[in-house]
Amino acid sequence: PQIRRALRVTLRANGYDVAAAATGEEGLDVAAVHPPDLVVLDWLMPGKSGIDVCRELRRDPELTGTPVVMVTSRSTVADLALALAAGVTFVVTKPFSLKAFPKVIRGLLEPD
């Protein structure tokens, strides 16, 4: 909850509209009603994991190309390979800089 809150505040302060969800299921419901331009997931969430949510997003024709940023403390090569195989676009490992996070988002939404 603290990371979700901090990311929401940081991204809103940088001009992004943010819809937040506490669980993977809730996030999928929000995405189905309001297709996002980008999704930020934590690997470990209540209910469905971020990996499972990403796989479901990739099966939705409307969301298959939506960039997905995975925030996680898991950083082994096997973990990163699993995330990429699930369709994650970019992995941010914890701990991370809230100040730098909007730059990651901007780079994915507004590539050069």
PDB file of N, CA and C in Angstrom:
ATOM      1  N   PRO A   1       0.805  -1.221   0.000  1.00  0.00           N
ATOM      2  CA  PRO A   1       0.000   0.000   0.000  1.00  0.00           C
ATOM      3  C   PRO A   1       0.841   1.277   0.000  1.00  0.00           C
ATOM      4  N   GLN A   2       1.976   1.263   0.730  1.00  0.00           N
ATOM      5  CA  GLN A   2       2.812   2.473   0.792  1.00  0.00           C
ATOM      6  C   GLN A   2       3.452   2.768  -0.565  1.00  0.00           C
ATOM      7  N   ILE A   3       3.919   1.732  -1.229  1.00  0.00           N
ATOM      8  CA  ILE A   3       4.532   1.946  -2.548  1.00  0.00           C
ATOM      9  C   ILE A   3       3.475   2.408  -3.542  1.00  0.00           C
ATOM     10  N   ARG A   4       2.300   1.784  -3.502  1.00  0.00           N
ATOM     11  CA  ARG A   4       1.217   2.190  -4.413  1.00  0.00           C
ATOM     12  C   ARG A   4       0.871   3.661  -4.201  1.00  0.00           C
ATOM     13  N   ARG A   5       0.764   4.050  -2.944  1.00  0.00           N
ATOM     14  CA  ARG A   5       0.431   5.441  -2.611  1.00  0.00           C
ATOM     15  C   ARG A   5       1.542   6.390  -3.075  1.00  0.00           C
ATOM     16  N   ALA A   6       2.791   6.029  -2.813  1.00  0.00           N
ATOM     17  CA  ALA A   6       3.912   6.885  -3.201  1.00  0.00           C
ATOM     18  C   ALA A   6       4.006   7.031  -4.719  1.00  0.00           C
ATOM     19  N   LEU A   7       3.790   5.935  -5.441  1.00  0.00           N
ATOM     20  CA  LEU A   7       3.830   6.014  -6.903  1.00  0.00           C
ATOM     21  C   LEU A   7       2.682   6.855  -7.436  1.00  0.00           C
ATOM     22  N   ARG A   8       1.498   6.683  -6.850  1.00  0.00           N
ATOM     23  CA  ARG A   8       0.342   7.478  -7.286  1.00  0.00           C
ATOM     24  C   ARG A   8       0.613   8.965  -7.105  1.00  0.00           C
ATOM     25  N   VAL A   9       1.107   9.356  -5.941  1.00  0.00           N
ATOM     26  CA  VAL A   9       1.400  10.768  -5.658  1.00  0.00           C
ATOM     27  C   VAL A   9       2.486  11.280  -6.599  1.00  0.00           C
ATOM     28  N   THR A  10       3.539  10.511  -6.772  1.00  0.00           N
ATOM     29  CA  THR A  10       4.658  10.929  -7.625  1.00  0.00           C
ATOM     30  C   THR A  10       4.225  11.089  -9.075  1.00  0.00           C
ATOM     31  N   LEU A  11       3.493  10.114  -9.589  1.00  0.00           N
ATOM     32  CA  LEU A  11       3.080  10.193 -10.992  1.00  0.00           C
ATOM     33  C   LEU A  11       2.066  11.313 -11.225  1.00  0.00           C
ATOM     34  N   ARG A  12       1.154  11.499 -10.295  1.00  0.00           N
ATOM     35  CA  ARG A  12       0.205  12.617 -10.431  1.00  0.00           C
ATOM     36  C   ARG A  12       0.928  13.956 -10.396  1.00  0.00           C
ATOM     37  N   ALA A  13       1.926  14.070  -9.534  1.00  0.00           N
ATOM     38  CA  ALA A  13       2.707  15.310  -9.452  1.00  0.00           C
ATOM     39  C   ALA A  13       3.464  15.575 -10.749  1.00  0.00           C
ATOM     40  N   ASN A  14       3.680  14.525 -11.543  1.00  0.00           N
ATOM     41  CA  ASN A  14       4.371  14.665 -12.822  1.00  0.00           C
ATOM     42  C   ASN A  14       3.399  14.716 -13.999  1.00  0.00           C
ATOM     43  N   GLY A  15       2.114  14.934 -13.704  1.00  0.00           N
ATOM     44  CA  GLY A  15       1.141  15.173 -14.753  1.00  0.00           C
ATOM     45  C   GLY A  15       0.418  13.953 -15.293  1.00  0.00           C
ATOM     46  N   TYR A  16       0.570  12.811 -14.680  1.00  0.00           N
ATOM     47  CA  TYR A  16      -0.090  11.600 -15.177  1.00  0.00           C
ATOM     48  C   TYR A  16      -1.407  11.368 -14.444  1.00  0.00           C
ATOM     49  N   ASP A  17      -2.415  10.914 -15.191  1.00  0.00           N
ATOM     50  CA  ASP A  17      -3.662  10.452 -14.583  1.00  0.00           C
ATOM     51  C   ASP A  17      -3.397   9.042 -14.086  1.00  0.00           C
ATOM     52  N   VAL A  18      -3.787   8.757 -12.859  1.00  0.00           N
ATOM     53  CA  VAL A  18      -3.473   7.468 -12.248  1.00  0.00           C
ATOM     54  C   VAL A  18      -4.734   6.842 -11.679  1.00  0.00           C
ATOM     55  N   ALA A  19      -4.949   5.592 -12.032  1.00  0.00           N
ATOM     56  CA  ALA A  19      -5.975   4.772 -11.392  1.00  0.00           C
ATOM     57  C   ALA A  19      -5.223   3.677 -10.653  1.00  0.00           C
ATOM     58  N   ALA A  20      -5.515   3.506  -9.383  1.00  0.00           N
ATOM     59  CA  ALA A  20      -4.796   2.526  -8.571  1.00  0.00           C
ATOM     60  C   ALA A  20      -5.730   1.407  -8.148  1.00  0.00           C
ATOM     61  N   ALA A  21      -5.151   0.226  -7.964  1.00  0.00           N
ATOM     62  CA  ALA A  21      -5.903  -0.941  -7.516  1.00  0.00           C
ATOM     63  C   ALA A  21      -5.087  -1.663  -6.457  1.00  0.00           C
ATOM     64  N   ALA A  22      -5.780  -2.232  -5.483  1.00  0.00           N
ATOM     65  CA  ALA A  22      -5.105  -2.903  -4.372  1.00  0.00           C
ATOM     66  C   ALA A  22      -4.766  -4.358  -4.679  1.00  0.00           C
ATOM     67  N   THR A  23      -5.482  -4.969  -5.636  1.00  0.00           N
ATOM     68  CA  THR A  23      -5.249  -6.375  -5.965  1.00  0.00           C
ATOM     69  C   THR A  23      -5.130  -6.535  -7.473  1.00  0.00           C
ATOM     70  N   GLY A  24      -4.611  -7.672  -7.877  1.00  0.00           N
ATOM     71  CA  GLY A  24      -4.522  -7.953  -9.304  1.00  0.00           C
ATOM     72  C   GLY A  24      -5.873  -8.009  -9.971  1.00  0.00           C
ATOM     73  N   GLU A  25      -6.836  -8.639  -9.306  1.00  0.00           N
ATOM     74  CA  GLU A  25      -8.187  -8.736  -9.865  1.00  0.00           C
ATOM     75  C   GLU A  25      -8.806  -7.357 -10.043  1.00  0.00           C
ATOM     76  N   GLU A  26      -8.626  -6.505  -9.046  1.00  0.00           N
ATOM     77  CA  GLU A  26      -9.157  -5.138  -9.117  1.00  0.00           C
ATOM     78  C   GLU A  26      -8.493  -4.374 -10.262  1.00  0.00           C
ATOM     79  N   GLY A  27      -7.204  -4.555 -10.438  1.00  0.00           N
ATOM     80  CA  GLY A  27      -6.490  -3.901 -11.532  1.00  0.00           C
ATOM     81  C   GLY A  27      -7.003  -4.336 -12.892  1.00  0.00           C
ATOM     82  N   LEU A  28      -7.269  -5.633 -13.042  1.00  0.00           N
ATOM     83  CA  LEU A  28      -7.812  -6.128 -14.312  1.00  0.00           C
ATOM     84  C   LEU A  28      -9.194  -5.542 -14.571  1.00  0.00           C
ATOM     85  N   ASP A  29     -10.002  -5.418 -13.518  1.00  0.00           N
ATOM     86  CA  ASP A  29     -11.331  -4.822 -13.668  1.00  0.00           C
ATOM     87  C   ASP A  29     -11.226  -3.363 -14.112  1.00  0.00           C
ATOM     88  N   VAL A  30     -10.329  -2.607 -13.493  1.00  0.00           N
ATOM     89  CA  VAL A  30     -10.137  -1.197 -13.859  1.00  0.00           C
ATOM     90  C   VAL A  30      -9.668  -1.090 -15.307  1.00  0.00           C
ATOM     91  N   ALA A  31      -8.703  -1.936 -15.695  1.00  0.00           N
ATOM     92  CA  ALA A  31      -8.168  -1.895 -17.058  1.00  0.00           C
ATOM     93  C   ALA A  31      -9.219  -2.256 -18.099  1.00  0.00           C
ATOM     94  N   ALA A  32     -10.142  -3.138 -17.736  1.00  0.00           N
ATOM     95  CA  ALA A  32     -11.194  -3.525 -18.678  1.00  0.00           C
ATOM     96  C   ALA A  32     -12.170  -2.387 -18.933  1.00  0.00           C
ATOM     97  N   VAL A  33     -12.416  -1.575 -17.907  1.00  0.00           N
ATOM     98  CA  VAL A  33     -13.362  -0.466 -18.035  1.00  0.00           C
ATOM     99  C   VAL A  33     -12.687   0.773 -18.628  1.00  0.00           C
ATOM    100  N   HIS A  34     -11.459   1.035 -18.198  1.00  0.00           N
ATOM    101  CA  HIS A  34     -10.694   2.202 -18.650  1.00  0.00           C
ATOM    102  C   HIS A  34      -9.327   1.730 -19.137  1.00  0.00           C
ATOM    103  N   PRO A  35      -9.217   1.329 -20.413  1.00  0.00           N
ATOM    104  CA  PRO A  35      -7.927   0.820 -20.905  1.00  0.00           C
ATOM    105  C   PRO A  35      -6.803   1.835 -20.669  1.00  0.00           C
ATOM    106  N   PRO A  36      -5.751   1.427 -19.975  1.00  0.00           N
ATOM    107  CA  PRO A  36      -4.664   2.344 -19.632  1.00  0.00           C
ATOM    108  C   PRO A  36      -3.652   2.500 -20.761  1.00  0.00           C
ATOM    109  N   ASP A  37      -2.902   3.588 -20.694  1.00  0.00           N
ATOM    110  CA  ASP A  37      -1.786   3.787 -21.624  1.00  0.00           C
ATOM    111  C   ASP A  37      -0.561   3.008 -21.166  1.00  0.00           C
ATOM    112  N   LEU A  38      -0.495   2.711 -19.863  1.00  0.00           N
ATOM    113  CA  LEU A  38       0.639   2.007 -19.271  1.00  0.00           C
ATOM    114  C   LEU A  38       0.156   1.393 -17.952  1.00  0.00           C
ATOM    115  N   VAL A  39       0.728   0.244 -17.593  1.00  0.00           N
ATOM    116  CA  VAL A  39       0.364  -0.436 -16.349  1.00  0.00           C
ATOM    117  C   VAL A  39       1.618  -0.605 -15.503  1.00  0.00           C
ATOM    118  N   VAL A  40       1.501  -0.306 -14.211  1.00  0.00           N
ATOM    119  CA  VAL A  40       2.574  -0.571 -13.249  1.00  0.00           C
ATOM    120  C   VAL A  40       2.063  -1.661 -12.314  1.00  0.00           C
ATOM    121  N   LEU A  41       2.807  -2.742 -12.218  1.00  0.00           N
ATOM    122  CA  LEU A  41       2.438  -3.867 -11.361  1.00  0.00           C
ATOM    123  C   LEU A  41       3.546  -4.159 -10.369  1.00  0.00           C
ATOM    124  N   ASP A  42       3.159  -4.649  -9.215  1.00  0.00           N
ATOM    125  CA  ASP A  42       4.128  -5.225  -8.290  1.00  0.00           C
ATOM    126  C   ASP A  42       4.067  -6.727  -8.505  1.00  0.00           C
ATOM    127  N   TRP A  43       5.186  -7.394  -8.430  1.00  0.00           N
ATOM    128  CA  TRP A  43       5.196  -8.845  -8.621  1.00  0.00           C
ATOM    129  C   TRP A  43       4.319  -9.507  -7.569  1.00  0.00           C
ATOM    130  N   LEU A  44       4.497  -9.094  -6.308  1.00  0.00           N
ATOM    131  CA  LEU A  44       3.761  -9.701  -5.199  1.00  0.00           C
ATOM    132  C   LEU A  44       2.593  -8.809  -4.804  1.00  0.00           C
ATOM    133  N   MET A  45       1.392  -9.248  -5.160  1.00  0.00           N
ATOM    134  CA  MET A  45       0.174  -8.512  -4.823  1.00  0.00           C
ATOM    135  C   MET A  45      -0.809  -9.494  -4.194  1.00  0.00           C
ATOM    136  N   PRO A  46      -1.761  -8.981  -3.437  1.00  0.00           N
ATOM    137  CA  PRO A  46      -2.800  -9.871  -2.924  1.00  0.00           C
ATOM    138  C   PRO A  46      -3.575 -10.502  -4.082  1.00  0.00           C
ATOM    139  N   GLY A  47      -3.918 -11.768  -3.947  1.00  0.00           N
ATOM    140  CA  GLY A  47      -4.646 -12.444  -5.020  1.00  0.00           C
ATOM    141  C   GLY A  47      -3.689 -12.831  -6.128  1.00  0.00           C
ATOM    142  N   LYS A  48      -3.984 -12.392  -7.332  1.00  0.00           N
ATOM    143  CA  LYS A  48      -3.134 -12.711  -8.482  1.00  0.00           C
ATOM    144  C   LYS A  48      -1.815 -11.968  -8.400  1.00  0.00           C
ATOM    145  N   SER A  49      -0.756 -12.643  -8.777  1.00  0.00           N
ATOM    146  CA  SER A  49       0.557 -11.991  -8.821  1.00  0.00           C
ATOM    147  C   SER A  49       0.617 -11.029 -10.007  1.00  0.00           C
ATOM    148  N   GLY A  50       1.589 -10.137  -9.980  1.00  0.00           N
ATOM    149  CA  GLY A  50       1.798  -9.235 -11.105  1.00  0.00           C
ATOM    150  C   GLY A  50       2.088  -9.991 -12.392  1.00  0.00           C
ATOM    151  N   ILE A  51       2.777 -11.127 -12.282  1.00  0.00           N
ATOM    152  CA  ILE A  51       3.064 -11.962 -13.459  1.00  0.00           C
ATOM    153  C   ILE A  51       1.745 -12.481 -14.050  1.00  0.00           C
ATOM    154  N   ASP A  52       0.865 -12.989 -13.190  1.00  0.00           N
ATOM    155  CA  ASP A  52      -0.420 -13.496 -13.670  1.00  0.00           C
ATOM    156  C   ASP A  52      -1.254 -12.380 -14.305  1.00  0.00           C
ATOM    157  N   VAL A  53      -1.254 -11.207 -13.681  1.00  0.00           N
ATOM    158  CA  VAL A  53      -2.000 -10.068 -14.227  1.00  0.00           C
ATOM    159  C   VAL A  53      -1.434  -9.686 -15.592  1.00  0.00           C
ATOM    160  N   CYS A  54      -0.124  -9.642 -15.706  1.00  0.00           N
ATOM    161  CA  CYS A  54       0.487  -9.288 -16.993  1.00  0.00           C
ATOM    162  C   CYS A  54       0.095 -10.293 -18.072  1.00  0.00           C
ATOM    163  N   ARG A  55       0.124 -11.562 -17.741  1.00  0.00           N
ATOM    164  CA  ARG A  55      -0.274 -12.588 -18.723  1.00  0.00           C
ATOM    165  C   ARG A  55      -1.719 -12.361 -19.190  1.00  0.00           C
ATOM    166  N   GLU A  56      -2.592 -12.026 -18.252  1.00  0.00           N
ATOM    167  CA  GLU A  56      -3.995 -11.772 -18.629  1.00  0.00           C
ATOM    168  C   GLU A  56      -4.122 -10.518 -19.487  1.00  0.00           C
ATOM    169  N   LEU A  57      -3.369  -9.484 -19.154  1.00  0.00           N
ATOM    170  CA  LEU A  57      -3.386  -8.268 -19.974  1.00  0.00           C
ATOM    171  C   LEU A  57      -2.946  -8.576 -21.397  1.00  0.00           C
ATOM    172  N   ARG A  58      -1.945  -9.403 -21.545  1.00  0.00           N
ATOM    173  CA  ARG A  58      -1.417  -9.745 -22.867  1.00  0.00           C
ATOM    174  C   ARG A  58      -2.407 -10.556 -23.695  1.00  0.00           C
ATOM    175  N   ARG A  59      -3.347 -11.233 -23.043  1.00  0.00           N
ATOM    176  CA  ARG A  59      -4.368 -12.010 -23.769  1.00  0.00           C
ATOM    177  C   ARG A  59      -5.533 -11.128 -24.236  1.00  0.00           C
ATOM    178  N   ASP A  60      -5.637  -9.920 -23.700  1.00  0.00           N
ATOM    179  CA  ASP A  60      -6.721  -9.000 -24.067  1.00  0.00           C
ATOM    180  C   ASP A  60      -6.286  -8.223 -25.308  1.00  0.00           C
ATOM    181  N   PRO A  61      -6.997  -8.377 -26.419  1.00  0.00           N
ATOM    182  CA  PRO A  61      -6.595  -7.696 -27.662  1.00  0.00           C
ATOM    183  C   PRO A  61      -6.455  -6.182 -27.524  1.00  0.00           C
ATOM    184  N   GLU A  62      -7.260  -5.579 -26.638  1.00  0.00           N
ATOM    185  CA  GLU A  62      -7.185  -4.125 -26.445  1.00  0.00           C
ATOM    186  C   GLU A  62      -5.952  -3.707 -25.654  1.00  0.00           C
ATOM    187  N   LEU A  63      -5.397  -4.616 -24.867  1.00  0.00           N
ATOM    188  CA  LEU A  63      -4.303  -4.263 -23.959  1.00  0.00           C
ATOM    189  C   LEU A  63      -2.992  -4.963 -24.278  1.00  0.00           C
ATOM    190  N   THR A  64      -2.988  -5.778 -25.302  1.00  0.00           N
ATOM    191  CA  THR A  64      -1.806  -6.590 -25.583  1.00  0.00           C
ATOM    192  C   THR A  64      -0.546  -5.760 -25.822  1.00  0.00           C
ATOM    193  N   GLY A  65      -0.687  -4.565 -26.368  1.00  0.00           N
ATOM    194  CA  GLY A  65       0.477  -3.722 -26.641  1.00  0.00           C
ATOM    195  C   GLY A  65       0.763  -2.680 -25.570  1.00  0.00           C
ATOM    196  N   THR A  66      -0.016  -2.675 -24.503  1.00  0.00           N
ATOM    197  CA  THR A  66       0.159  -1.690 -23.438  1.00  0.00           C
ATOM    198  C   THR A  66       1.450  -1.956 -22.674  1.00  0.00           C
ATOM    199  N   PRO A  67       2.320  -0.972 -22.529  1.00  0.00           N
ATOM    200  CA  PRO A  67       3.553  -1.191 -21.761  1.00  0.00           C
ATOM    201  C   PRO A  67       3.230  -1.576 -20.309  1.00  0.00           C
ATOM    202  N   VAL A  68       3.983  -2.528 -19.788  1.00  0.00           N
ATOM    203  CA  VAL A  68       3.819  -2.984 -18.407  1.00  0.00           C
ATOM    204  C   VAL A  68       5.154  -2.843 -17.688  1.00  0.00           C
ATOM    205  N   VAL A  69       5.141  -2.092 -16.597  1.00  0.00           N
ATOM    206  CA  VAL A  69       6.327  -1.923 -15.749  1.00  0.00           C
ATOM    207  C   VAL A  69       6.118  -2.786 -14.510  1.00  0.00           C
ATOM    208  N   MET A  70       7.065  -3.668 -14.242  1.00  0.00           N
ATOM    209  CA  MET A  70       6.998  -4.526 -13.060  1.00  0.00           C
ATOM    210  C   MET A  70       7.941  -3.993 -11.999  1.00  0.00           C
ATOM    211  N   VAL A  71       7.395  -3.705 -10.830  1.00  0.00           N
ATOM    212  CA  VAL A  71       8.179  -3.271  -9.685  1.00  0.00           C
ATOM    213  C   VAL A  71       8.360  -4.506  -8.792  1.00  0.00           C
ATOM    214  N   THR A  72       9.594  -4.844  -8.465  1.00  0.00           N
ATOM    215  CA  THR A  72       9.826  -6.066  -7.716  1.00  0.00           C
ATOM    216  C   THR A  72      11.155  -6.059  -6.990  1.00  0.00           C
ATOM    217  N   SER A  73      11.222  -6.839  -5.932  1.00  0.00           N
ATOM    218  CA  SER A  73      12.505  -7.054  -5.258  1.00  0.00           C
ATOM    219  C   SER A  73      13.192  -8.288  -5.828  1.00  0.00           C
ATOM    220  N   ARG A  74      12.506  -9.003  -6.699  1.00  0.00           N
ATOM    221  CA  ARG A  74      13.072 -10.212  -7.311  1.00  0.00           C
ATOM    222  C   ARG A  74      13.974  -9.789  -8.468  1.00  0.00           C
ATOM    223  N   SER A  75      15.216 -10.231  -8.420  1.00  0.00           N
ATOM    224  CA  SER A  75      16.147  -9.732  -9.441  1.00  0.00           C
ATOM    225  C   SER A  75      17.104 -10.789  -9.976  1.00  0.00           C
ATOM    226  N   THR A  76      16.793 -12.064  -9.782  1.00  0.00           N
ATOM    227  CA  THR A  76      17.658 -13.087 -10.362  1.00  0.00           C
ATOM    228  C   THR A  76      17.431 -13.123 -11.869  1.00  0.00           C
ATOM    229  N   VAL A  77      18.338 -13.711 -12.573  1.00  0.00           N
ATOM    230  CA  VAL A  77      18.193 -13.844 -14.022  1.00  0.00           C
ATOM    231  C   VAL A  77      16.931 -14.636 -14.339  1.00  0.00           C
ATOM    232  N   ALA A  78      16.662 -15.684 -13.572  1.00  0.00           N
ATOM    233  CA  ALA A  78      15.458 -16.493 -13.794  1.00  0.00           C
ATOM    234  C   ALA A  78      14.186 -15.664 -13.573  1.00  0.00           C
ATOM    235  N   ASP A  79      14.182 -14.823 -12.535  1.00  0.00           N
ATOM    236  CA  ASP A  79      13.024 -13.965 -12.276  1.00  0.00           C
ATOM    237  C   ASP A  79      12.806 -12.987 -13.420  1.00  0.00           C
ATOM    238  N   LEU A  80      13.868 -12.358 -13.870  1.00  0.00           N
ATOM    239  CA  LEU A  80      13.748 -11.387 -14.964  1.00  0.00           C
ATOM    240  C   LEU A  80      13.287 -12.076 -16.246  1.00  0.00           C
ATOM    241  N   ALA A  81      13.798 -13.279 -16.502  1.00  0.00           N
ATOM    242  CA  ALA A  81      13.374 -14.031 -17.687  1.00  0.00           C
ATOM    243  C   ALA A  81      11.891 -14.369 -17.601  1.00  0.00           C
ATOM    244  N   LEU A  82      11.421 -14.748 -16.415  1.00  0.00           N
ATOM    245  CA  LEU A  82      10.004 -15.058 -16.229  1.00  0.00           C
ATOM    246  C   LEU A  82       9.146 -13.823 -16.478  1.00  0.00           C
ATOM    247  N   ALA A  83       9.578 -12.684 -15.968  1.00  0.00           N
ATOM    248  CA  ALA A  83       8.837 -11.438 -16.174  1.00  0.00           C
ATOM    249  C   ALA A  83       8.750 -11.086 -17.662  1.00  0.00           C
ATOM    250  N   LEU A  84       9.860 -11.177 -18.351  1.00  0.00           N
ATOM    251  CA  LEU A  84       9.869 -10.858 -19.780  1.00  0.00           C
ATOM    252  C   LEU A  84       9.016 -11.848 -20.568  1.00  0.00           C
ATOM    253  N   ALA A  85       9.079 -13.125 -20.196  1.00  0.00           N
ATOM    254  CA  ALA A  85       8.266 -14.136 -20.878  1.00  0.00           C
ATOM    255  C   ALA A  85       6.774 -13.894 -20.663  1.00  0.00           C
ATOM    256  N   ALA A  86       6.418 -13.306 -19.531  1.00  0.00           N
ATOM    257  CA  ALA A  86       5.014 -12.996 -19.244  1.00  0.00           C
ATOM    258  C   ALA A  86       4.533 -11.769 -20.012  1.00  0.00           C
ATOM    259  N   GLY A  87       5.473 -11.012 -20.575  1.00  0.00           N
ATOM    260  CA  GLY A  87       5.102  -9.833 -21.355  1.00  0.00           C
ATOM    261  C   GLY A  87       5.423  -8.510 -20.700  1.00  0.00           C
ATOM    262  N   VAL A  88       6.183  -8.539 -19.601  1.00  0.00           N
ATOM    263  CA  VAL A  88       6.584  -7.298 -18.946  1.00  0.00           C
ATOM    264  C   VAL A  88       7.501  -6.519 -19.884  1.00  0.00           C
ATOM    265  N   THR A  89       7.282  -5.228 -19.971  1.00  0.00           N
ATOM    266  CA  THR A  89       8.073  -4.360 -20.845  1.00  0.00           C
ATOM    267  C   THR A  89       9.353  -3.896 -20.172  1.00  0.00           C
ATOM    268  N   PHE A  90       9.260  -3.571 -18.871  1.00  0.00           N
ATOM    269  CA  PHE A  90      10.387  -2.984 -18.151  1.00  0.00           C
ATOM    270  C   PHE A  90      10.301  -3.403 -16.689  1.00  0.00           C
ATOM    271  N   VAL A  91      11.431  -3.773 -16.100  1.00  0.00           N
ATOM    272  CA  VAL A  91      11.467  -4.183 -14.694  1.00  0.00           C
ATOM    273  C   VAL A  91      12.218  -3.131 -13.884  1.00  0.00           C
ATOM    274  N   VAL A  92      11.609  -2.714 -12.782  1.00  0.00           N
ATOM    275  CA  VAL A  92      12.233  -1.793 -11.838  1.00  0.00           C
ATOM    276  C   VAL A  92      12.416  -2.558 -10.533  1.00  0.00           C
ATOM    277  N   THR A  93      13.669  -2.704 -10.104  1.00  0.00           N
ATOM    278  CA  THR A  93      13.915  -3.464  -8.881  1.00  0.00           C
ATOM    279  C   THR A  93      13.916  -2.553  -7.665  1.00  0.00           C
ATOM    280  N   LYS A  94      13.371  -3.095  -6.577  1.00  0.00           N
ATOM    281  CA  LYS A  94      13.338  -2.392  -5.299  1.00  0.00           C
ATOM    282  C   LYS A  94      14.670  -2.588  -4.599  1.00  0.00           C
ATOM    283  N   PRO A  95      15.117  -1.612  -3.869  1.00  0.00           N
ATOM    284  CA  PRO A  95      14.551  -0.274  -3.756  1.00  0.00           C
ATOM    285  C   PRO A  95      14.832   0.532  -5.023  1.00  0.00           C
ATOM    286  N   PHE A  96      14.010   1.525  -5.277  1.00  0.00           N
ATOM    287  CA  PHE A  96      14.181   2.371  -6.460  1.00  0.00           C
ATOM    288  C   PHE A  96      13.918   3.813  -6.082  1.00  0.00           C
ATOM    289  N   SER A  97      14.300   4.711  -6.964  1.00  0.00           N
ATOM    290  CA  SER A  97      14.158   6.139  -6.726  1.00  0.00           C
ATOM    291  C   SER A  97      12.805   6.627  -7.231  1.00  0.00           C
ATOM    292  N   LEU A  98      12.007   7.180  -6.319  1.00  0.00           N
ATOM    293  CA  LEU A  98      10.740   7.782  -6.751  1.00  0.00           C
ATOM    294  C   LEU A  98      10.987   8.961  -7.687  1.00  0.00           C
ATOM    295  N   LYS A  99      12.095   9.640  -7.484  1.00  0.00           N
ATOM    296  CA  LYS A  99      12.420  10.787  -8.336  1.00  0.00           C
ATOM    297  C   LYS A  99      12.686  10.334  -9.778  1.00  0.00           C
ATOM    298  N   ALA A 100      13.322   9.177  -9.939  1.00  0.00           N
ATOM    299  CA  ALA A 100      13.659   8.683 -11.275  1.00  0.00           C
ATOM    300  C   ALA A 100      12.500   7.941 -11.941  1.00  0.00           C
ATOM    301  N   PHE A 101      11.546   7.460 -11.156  1.00  0.00           N
ATOM    302  CA  PHE A 101      10.469   6.633 -11.711  1.00  0.00           C
ATOM    303  C   PHE A 101       9.691   7.316 -12.834  1.00  0.00           C
ATOM    304  N   PRO A 102       9.311   8.584 -12.694  1.00  0.00           N
ATOM    305  CA  PRO A 102       8.590   9.227 -13.805  1.00  0.00           C
ATOM    306  C   PRO A 102       9.396   9.256 -15.109  1.00  0.00           C
ATOM    307  N   LYS A 103      10.706   9.256 -15.015  1.00  0.00           N
ATOM    308  CA  LYS A 103      11.528   9.218 -16.230  1.00  0.00           C
ATOM    309  C   LYS A 103      11.364   7.891 -16.952  1.00  0.00           C
ATOM    310  N   VAL A 104      11.232   6.806 -16.203  1.00  0.00           N
ATOM    311  CA  VAL A 104      10.984   5.491 -16.798  1.00  0.00           C
ATOM    312  C   VAL A 104       9.648   5.523 -17.542  1.00  0.00           C
ATOM    313  N   ILE A 105       8.635   6.041 -16.875  1.00  0.00           N
ATOM    314  CA  ILE A 105       7.308   6.112 -17.473  1.00  0.00           C
ATOM    315  C   ILE A 105       7.321   6.977 -18.731  1.00  0.00           C
ATOM    316  N   ARG A 106       7.943   8.122 -18.629  1.00  0.00           N
ATOM    317  CA  ARG A 106       8.025   9.033 -19.781  1.00  0.00           C
ATOM    318  C   ARG A 106       8.741   8.353 -20.942  1.00  0.00           C
ATOM    319  N   GLY A 107       9.807   7.629 -20.651  1.00  0.00           N
ATOM    320  CA  GLY A 107      10.538   6.937 -21.712  1.00  0.00           C
ATOM    321  C   GLY A 107       9.717   5.891 -22.423  1.00  0.00           C
ATOM    322  N   LEU A 108       8.809   5.249 -21.711  1.00  0.00           N
ATOM    323  CA  LEU A 108       7.954   4.235 -22.321  1.00  0.00           C
ATOM    324  C   LEU A 108       6.776   4.849 -23.073  1.00  0.00           C
ATOM    325  N   LEU A 109       6.257   5.965 -22.570  1.00  0.00           N
ATOM    326  CA  LEU A 109       5.103   6.597 -23.206  1.00  0.00           C
ATOM    327  C   LEU A 109       5.483   7.592 -24.300  1.00  0.00           C
ATOM    328  N   GLU A 110       6.664   8.175 -24.168  1.00  0.00           N
ATOM    329  CA  GLU A 110       7.092   9.206 -25.107  1.00  0.00           C
ATOM    330  C   GLU A 110       8.496   8.906 -25.619  1.00  0.00           C
ATOM    331  N   PRO A 111       8.668   7.773 -26.317  1.00  0.00           N
ATOM    332  CA  PRO A 111      10.034   7.450 -26.777  1.00  0.00           C
ATOM    333  C   PRO A 111      10.542   8.498 -27.759  1.00  0.00           C
ATOM    334  N   ASP A 112      11.854   8.637 -27.796  1.00  0.00           N
ATOM    335  CA  ASP A 112      12.463   9.639 -28.700  1.00  0.00           C
ATOM    336  C   ASP A 112      12.035   9.485 -30.105  1.00  0.00           C
TER     337      ASP A 112
END
